[in-house]
Amino acid sequence: KITASIGIAVIPAPSVARSATIDEETARHLARADRALYRAKRAGRNRVVCDLDVVETEPELSERQVQGG
């Protein structure tokens, strides 16, 4: 019998404003996927865990902006 544990990291679209190099970005995303994989393994066989820690590329609206003030 074959089982699988899978870790997935959501990778945001590239941003021009980011200061990290591509190698640093890749290493960070692989580390996130690796952490998700080990969370899946701890949870039991045949699990998929997603790391959804996505960095927003656009600023969030404040409550005042949402209310029109």
PDB file of N, CA and C in Angstrom:
ATOM      1  N   LYS A   1       0.852  -1.178   0.000  1.00  0.00           N
ATOM      2  CA  LYS A   1       0.000   0.000   0.000  1.00  0.00           C
ATOM      3  C   LYS A   1       0.895   1.238   0.000  1.00  0.00           C
ATOM      4  N   ILE A   2       0.569   2.177  -0.850  1.00  0.00           N
ATOM      5  CA  ILE A   2       1.315   3.428  -0.939  1.00  0.00           C
ATOM      6  C   ILE A   2       0.462   4.549  -0.362  1.00  0.00           C
ATOM      7  N   THR A   3       1.080   5.374   0.493  1.00  0.00           N
ATOM      8  CA  THR A   3       0.400   6.549   1.035  1.00  0.00           C
ATOM      9  C   THR A   3       1.222   7.788   0.691  1.00  0.00           C
ATOM     10  N   ALA A   4       0.599   8.948   0.839  1.00  0.00           N
ATOM     11  CA  ALA A   4       1.310  10.187   0.513  1.00  0.00           C
ATOM     12  C   ALA A   4       0.966  11.283   1.509  1.00  0.00           C
ATOM     13  N   SER A   5       1.977  12.044   1.873  1.00  0.00           N
ATOM     14  CA  SER A   5       1.810  13.276   2.637  1.00  0.00           C
ATOM     15  C   SER A   5       2.371  14.382   1.762  1.00  0.00           C
ATOM     16  N   ILE A   6       1.587  15.441   1.577  1.00  0.00           N
ATOM     17  CA  ILE A   6       1.979  16.498   0.646  1.00  0.00           C
ATOM     18  C   ILE A   6       1.906  17.849   1.343  1.00  0.00           C
ATOM     19  N   GLY A   7       2.929  18.657   1.144  1.00  0.00           N
ATOM     20  CA  GLY A   7       2.954  20.028   1.652  1.00  0.00           C
ATOM     21  C   GLY A   7       2.981  20.995   0.488  1.00  0.00           C
ATOM     22  N   ILE A   8       2.111  21.997   0.536  1.00  0.00           N
ATOM     23  CA  ILE A   8       1.995  22.967  -0.553  1.00  0.00           C
ATOM     24  C   ILE A   8       2.152  24.375   0.017  1.00  0.00           C
ATOM     25  N   ALA A   9       2.888  25.218  -0.688  1.00  0.00           N
ATOM     26  CA  ALA A   9       3.000  26.633  -0.321  1.00  0.00           C
ATOM     27  C   ALA A   9       2.464  27.465  -1.476  1.00  0.00           C
ATOM     28  N   VAL A  10       1.584  28.398  -1.157  1.00  0.00           N
ATOM     29  CA  VAL A  10       1.047  29.304  -2.167  1.00  0.00           C
ATOM     30  C   VAL A  10       2.078  30.405  -2.388  1.00  0.00           C
ATOM     31  N   ILE A  11       2.446  30.619  -3.642  1.00  0.00           N
ATOM     32  CA  ILE A  11       3.467  31.606  -3.977  1.00  0.00           C
ATOM     33  C   ILE A  11       2.795  32.795  -4.651  1.00  0.00           C
ATOM     34  N   PRO A  12       2.939  33.992  -4.056  1.00  0.00           N
ATOM     35  CA  PRO A  12       2.314  35.175  -4.660  1.00  0.00           C
ATOM     36  C   PRO A  12       3.017  35.577  -5.946  1.00  0.00           C
ATOM     37  N   ALA A  13       2.328  36.381  -6.734  1.00  0.00           N
ATOM     38  CA  ALA A  13       2.925  36.903  -7.972  1.00  0.00           C
ATOM     39  C   ALA A  13       4.147  37.743  -7.627  1.00  0.00           C
ATOM     40  N   PRO A  14       5.151  37.740  -8.492  1.00  0.00           N
ATOM     41  CA  PRO A  14       6.357  38.533  -8.220  1.00  0.00           C
ATOM     42  C   PRO A  14       6.035  40.019  -8.102  1.00  0.00           C
ATOM     43  N   SER A  15       6.761  40.672  -7.229  1.00  0.00           N
ATOM     44  CA  SER A  15       6.571  42.103  -7.028  1.00  0.00           C
ATOM     45  C   SER A  15       7.866  42.831  -7.354  1.00  0.00           C
ATOM     46  N   VAL A  16       7.747  43.926  -8.053  1.00  0.00           N
ATOM     47  CA  VAL A  16       8.926  44.710  -8.414  1.00  0.00           C
ATOM     48  C   VAL A  16       9.555  45.326  -7.173  1.00  0.00           C
ATOM     49  N   ALA A  17       8.748  45.625  -6.167  1.00  0.00           N
ATOM     50  CA  ALA A  17       9.235  46.320  -4.979  1.00  0.00           C
ATOM     51  C   ALA A  17      10.006  45.415  -4.021  1.00  0.00           C
ATOM     52  N   ARG A  18       9.951  44.126  -4.195  1.00  0.00           N
ATOM     53  CA  ARG A  18      10.631  43.220  -3.273  1.00  0.00           C
ATOM     54  C   ARG A  18      12.134  43.367  -3.388  1.00  0.00           C
ATOM     55  N   SER A  19      12.797  43.273  -2.229  1.00  0.00           N
ATOM     56  CA  SER A  19      14.248  43.431  -2.223  1.00  0.00           C
ATOM     57  C   SER A  19      14.975  42.091  -2.218  1.00  0.00           C
ATOM     58  N   ALA A  20      14.275  41.003  -1.939  1.00  0.00           N
ATOM     59  CA  ALA A  20      14.913  39.686  -1.884  1.00  0.00           C
ATOM     60  C   ALA A  20      15.276  39.214  -3.290  1.00  0.00           C
ATOM     61  N   THR A  21      16.361  38.466  -3.369  1.00  0.00           N
ATOM     62  CA  THR A  21      16.750  37.902  -4.657  1.00  0.00           C
ATOM     63  C   THR A  21      15.866  36.708  -4.974  1.00  0.00           C
ATOM     64  N   ILE A  22      15.916  36.261  -6.205  1.00  0.00           N
ATOM     65  CA  ILE A  22      15.120  35.097  -6.608  1.00  0.00           C
ATOM     66  C   ILE A  22      15.523  33.878  -5.787  1.00  0.00           C
ATOM     67  N   ASP A  23      16.818  33.689  -5.541  1.00  0.00           N
ATOM     68  CA  ASP A  23      17.269  32.553  -4.735  1.00  0.00           C
ATOM     69  C   ASP A  23      16.711  32.613  -3.319  1.00  0.00           C
ATOM     70  N   GLU A  24      16.681  33.807  -2.717  1.00  0.00           N
ATOM     71  CA  GLU A  24      16.122  33.963  -1.377  1.00  0.00           C
ATOM     72  C   GLU A  24      14.630  33.680  -1.378  1.00  0.00           C
ATOM     73  N   GLU A  25      13.932  34.179  -2.383  1.00  0.00           N
ATOM     74  CA  GLU A  25      12.492  33.932  -2.506  1.00  0.00           C
ATOM     75  C   GLU A  25      12.221  32.437  -2.651  1.00  0.00           C
ATOM     76  N   THR A  26      12.975  31.784  -3.524  1.00  0.00           N
ATOM     77  CA  THR A  26      12.802  30.348  -3.747  1.00  0.00           C
ATOM     78  C   THR A  26      13.051  29.579  -2.464  1.00  0.00           C
ATOM     79  N   ALA A  27      14.117  29.903  -1.756  1.00  0.00           N
ATOM     80  CA  ALA A  27      14.442  29.216  -0.503  1.00  0.00           C
ATOM     81  C   ALA A  27      13.337  29.408   0.525  1.00  0.00           C
ATOM     82  N   ARG A  28      12.784  30.620   0.608  1.00  0.00           N
ATOM     83  CA  ARG A  28      11.715  30.880   1.574  1.00  0.00           C
ATOM     84  C   ARG A  28      10.464  30.071   1.235  1.00  0.00           C
ATOM     85  N   HIS A  29      10.105  30.011  -0.047  1.00  0.00           N
ATOM     86  CA  HIS A  29       8.910  29.258  -0.440  1.00  0.00           C
ATOM     87  C   HIS A  29       9.116  27.754  -0.265  1.00  0.00           C
ATOM     88  N   LEU A  30      10.295  27.263  -0.561  1.00  0.00           N
ATOM     89  CA  LEU A  30      10.574  25.838  -0.333  1.00  0.00           C
ATOM     90  C   LEU A  30      10.518  25.505   1.153  1.00  0.00           C
ATOM     91  N   ALA A  31      11.006  26.396   1.999  1.00  0.00           N
ATOM     92  CA  ALA A  31      10.941  26.176   3.446  1.00  0.00           C
ATOM     93  C   ALA A  31       9.493  26.130   3.920  1.00  0.00           C
ATOM     94  N   ARG A  32       8.641  27.004   3.367  1.00  0.00           N
ATOM     95  CA  ARG A  32       7.220  26.986   3.731  1.00  0.00           C
ATOM     96  C   ARG A  32       6.566  25.678   3.303  1.00  0.00           C
ATOM     97  N   ALA A  33       6.875  25.216   2.093  1.00  0.00           N
ATOM     98  CA  ALA A  33       6.320  23.946   1.612  1.00  0.00           C
ATOM     99  C   ALA A  33       6.817  22.796   2.472  1.00  0.00           C
ATOM    100  N   ASP A  34       8.074  22.863   2.887  1.00  0.00           N
ATOM    101  CA  ASP A  34       8.649  21.821   3.740  1.00  0.00           C
ATOM    102  C   ASP A  34       7.946  21.784   5.095  1.00  0.00           C
ATOM    103  N   ARG A  35       7.685  22.958   5.684  1.00  0.00           N
ATOM    104  CA  ARG A  35       6.953  22.999   6.957  1.00  0.00           C
ATOM    105  C   ARG A  35       5.552  22.416   6.787  1.00  0.00           C
ATOM    106  N   ALA A  36       4.893  22.735   5.679  1.00  0.00           N
ATOM    107  CA  ALA A  36       3.556  22.188   5.416  1.00  0.00           C
ATOM    108  C   ALA A  36       3.620  20.671   5.281  1.00  0.00           C
ATOM    109  N   LEU A  37       4.658  20.170   4.624  1.00  0.00           N
ATOM    110  CA  LEU A  37       4.826  18.722   4.474  1.00  0.00           C
ATOM    111  C   LEU A  37       4.934  18.048   5.835  1.00  0.00           C
ATOM    112  N   TYR A  38       5.745  18.606   6.731  1.00  0.00           N
ATOM    113  CA  TYR A  38       5.910  17.980   8.037  1.00  0.00           C
ATOM    114  C   TYR A  38       4.666  18.113   8.900  1.00  0.00           C
ATOM    115  N   ARG A  39       3.870  19.171   8.709  1.00  0.00           N
ATOM    116  CA  ARG A  39       2.573  19.245   9.395  1.00  0.00           C
ATOM    117  C   ARG A  39       1.657  18.140   8.877  1.00  0.00           C
ATOM    118  N   ALA A  40       1.695  17.875   7.570  1.00  0.00           N
ATOM    119  CA  ALA A  40       0.886  16.800   6.984  1.00  0.00           C
ATOM    120  C   ALA A  40       1.320  15.449   7.537  1.00  0.00           C
ATOM    121  N   LYS A  41       2.614  15.224   7.656  1.00  0.00           N
ATOM    122  CA  LYS A  41       3.111  13.945   8.183  1.00  0.00           C
ATOM    123  C   LYS A  41       2.680  13.747   9.632  1.00  0.00           C
ATOM    124  N   ARG A  42       2.740  14.822  10.432  1.00  0.00           N
ATOM    125  CA  ARG A  42       2.324  14.709  11.836  1.00  0.00           C
ATOM    126  C   ARG A  42       0.829  14.435  11.951  1.00  0.00           C
ATOM    127  N   ALA A  43       0.034  14.910  10.987  1.00  0.00           N
ATOM    128  CA  ALA A  43      -1.420  14.745  11.031  1.00  0.00           C
ATOM    129  C   ALA A  43      -1.856  13.331  10.645  1.00  0.00           C
ATOM    130  N   GLY A  44      -0.984  12.555  10.045  1.00  0.00           N
ATOM    131  CA  GLY A  44      -1.322  11.187   9.668  1.00  0.00           C
ATOM    132  C   GLY A  44      -1.137  10.944   8.184  1.00  0.00           C
ATOM    133  N   ARG A  45      -1.406   9.724   7.781  1.00  0.00           N
ATOM    134  CA  ARG A  45      -1.209   9.329   6.384  1.00  0.00           C
ATOM    135  C   ARG A  45      -2.228   9.978   5.455  1.00  0.00           C
ATOM    136  N   ASN A  46      -1.817  10.057   4.198  1.00  0.00           N
ATOM    137  CA  ASN A  46      -2.706  10.560   3.138  1.00  0.00           C
ATOM    138  C   ASN A  46      -3.279  11.938   3.453  1.00  0.00           C
ATOM    139  N   ARG A  47      -2.399  12.864   3.779  1.00  0.00           N
ATOM    140  CA  ARG A  47      -2.814  14.233   4.101  1.00  0.00           C
ATOM    141  C   ARG A  47      -2.181  15.224   3.134  1.00  0.00           C
ATOM    142  N   VAL A  48      -2.902  16.297   2.889  1.00  0.00           N
ATOM    143  CA  VAL A  48      -2.374  17.431   2.136  1.00  0.00           C
ATOM    144  C   VAL A  48      -2.546  18.654   3.026  1.00  0.00           C
ATOM    145  N   VAL A  49      -1.458  19.387   3.254  1.00  0.00           N
ATOM    146  CA  VAL A  49      -1.503  20.605   4.057  1.00  0.00           C
ATOM    147  C   VAL A  49      -0.997  21.753   3.201  1.00  0.00           C
ATOM    148  N   CYS A  50      -1.766  22.840   3.184  1.00  0.00           N
ATOM    149  CA  CYS A  50      -1.384  24.028   2.413  1.00  0.00           C
ATOM    150  C   CYS A  50      -0.924  25.133   3.353  1.00  0.00           C
ATOM    151  N   ASP A  51       0.194  25.746   3.025  1.00  0.00           N
ATOM    152  CA  ASP A  51       0.647  26.937   3.728  1.00  0.00           C
ATOM    153  C   ASP A  51       0.107  28.113   2.935  1.00  0.00           C
ATOM    154  N   LEU A  52      -0.895  28.764   3.465  1.00  0.00           N
ATOM    155  CA  LEU A  52      -1.557  29.853   2.745  1.00  0.00           C
ATOM    156  C   LEU A  52      -1.094  31.217   3.227  1.00  0.00           C
ATOM    157  N   ASP A  53       0.088  31.281   3.806  1.00  0.00           N
ATOM    158  CA  ASP A  53       0.635  32.532   4.320  1.00  0.00           C
ATOM    159  C   ASP A  53       1.086  33.395   3.153  1.00  0.00           C
ATOM    160  N   VAL A  54       0.126  34.003   2.459  1.00  0.00           N
ATOM    161  CA  VAL A  54       0.400  34.794   1.263  1.00  0.00           C
ATOM    162  C   VAL A  54       0.621  36.246   1.668  1.00  0.00           C
ATOM    163  N   VAL A  55       1.690  36.822   1.185  1.00  0.00           N
ATOM    164  CA  VAL A  55       1.977  38.226   1.442  1.00  0.00           C
ATOM    165  C   VAL A  55       1.178  39.060   0.454  1.00  0.00           C
ATOM    166  N   GLU A  56       0.375  39.959   0.965  1.00  0.00           N
ATOM    167  CA  GLU A  56      -0.435  40.817   0.101  1.00  0.00           C
ATOM    168  C   GLU A  56       0.465  41.820  -0.610  1.00  0.00           C
ATOM    169  N   THR A  57       0.234  42.015  -1.887  1.00  0.00           N
ATOM    170  CA  THR A  57       1.043  42.967  -2.644  1.00  0.00           C
ATOM    171  C   THR A  57       0.386  44.338  -2.708  1.00  0.00           C
ATOM    172  N   GLU A  58      -0.879  44.423  -2.292  1.00  0.00           N
ATOM    173  CA  GLU A  58      -1.581  45.696  -2.267  1.00  0.00           C
ATOM    174  C   GLU A  58      -1.960  46.001  -0.829  1.00  0.00           C
ATOM    175  N   PRO A  59      -1.914  47.267  -0.424  1.00  0.00           N
ATOM    176  CA  PRO A  59      -2.274  47.605   0.957  1.00  0.00           C
ATOM    177  C   PRO A  59      -3.745  47.327   1.215  1.00  0.00           C
ATOM    178  N   GLU A  60      -4.022  46.908   2.452  1.00  0.00           N
ATOM    179  CA  GLU A  60      -5.408  46.676   2.837  1.00  0.00           C
ATOM    180  C   GLU A  60      -6.078  48.014   3.120  1.00  0.00           C
ATOM    181  N   LEU A  61      -7.368  48.066   2.901  1.00  0.00           N
ATOM    182  CA  LEU A  61      -8.124  49.273   3.203  1.00  0.00           C
ATOM    183  C   LEU A  61      -8.376  49.348   4.699  1.00  0.00           C
ATOM    184  N   SER A  62      -8.290  50.546   5.251  1.00  0.00           N
ATOM    185  CA  SER A  62      -8.604  50.723   6.660  1.00  0.00           C
ATOM    186  C   SER A  62     -10.118  50.691   6.832  1.00  0.00           C
ATOM    187  N   GLU A  63     -10.561  50.528   8.071  1.00  0.00           N
ATOM    188  CA  GLU A  63     -12.003  50.500   8.339  1.00  0.00           C
ATOM    189  C   GLU A  63     -12.646  51.814   7.914  1.00  0.00           C
ATOM    190  N   ARG A  64     -11.945  52.923   8.104  1.00  0.00           N
ATOM    191  CA  ARG A  64     -12.471  54.236   7.718  1.00  0.00           C
ATOM    192  C   ARG A  64     -12.674  54.311   6.204  1.00  0.00           C
ATOM    193  N   GLN A  65     -11.713  53.789   5.429  1.00  0.00           N
ATOM    194  CA  GLN A  65     -11.830  53.805   3.972  1.00  0.00           C
ATOM    195  C   GLN A  65     -12.988  52.938   3.505  1.00  0.00           C
ATOM    196  N   VAL A  66     -13.199  51.814   4.170  1.00  0.00           N
ATOM    197  CA  VAL A  66     -14.283  50.906   3.796  1.00  0.00           C
ATOM    198  C   VAL A  66     -15.629  51.570   4.045  1.00  0.00           C
ATOM    199  N   GLN A  67     -15.729  52.338   5.140  1.00  0.00           N
ATOM    200  CA  GLN A  67     -16.985  52.996   5.490  1.00  0.00           C
ATOM    201  C   GLN A  67     -17.187  54.299   4.725  1.00  0.00           C
ATOM    202  N   GLY A  68     -16.234  54.667   3.886  1.00  0.00           N
ATOM    203  CA  GLY A  68     -16.387  55.861   3.060  1.00  0.00           C
ATOM    204  C   GLY A  68     -15.983  57.149   3.750  1.00  0.00           C
ATOM    205  N   GLY A  69     -15.187  57.060   4.814  1.00  0.00           N
ATOM    206  CA  GLY A  69     -14.835  58.274   5.553  1.00  0.00           C
ATOM    207  C   GLY A  69     -13.456  58.673   5.456  1.00  0.00           C
TER     208      GLY A  69
END
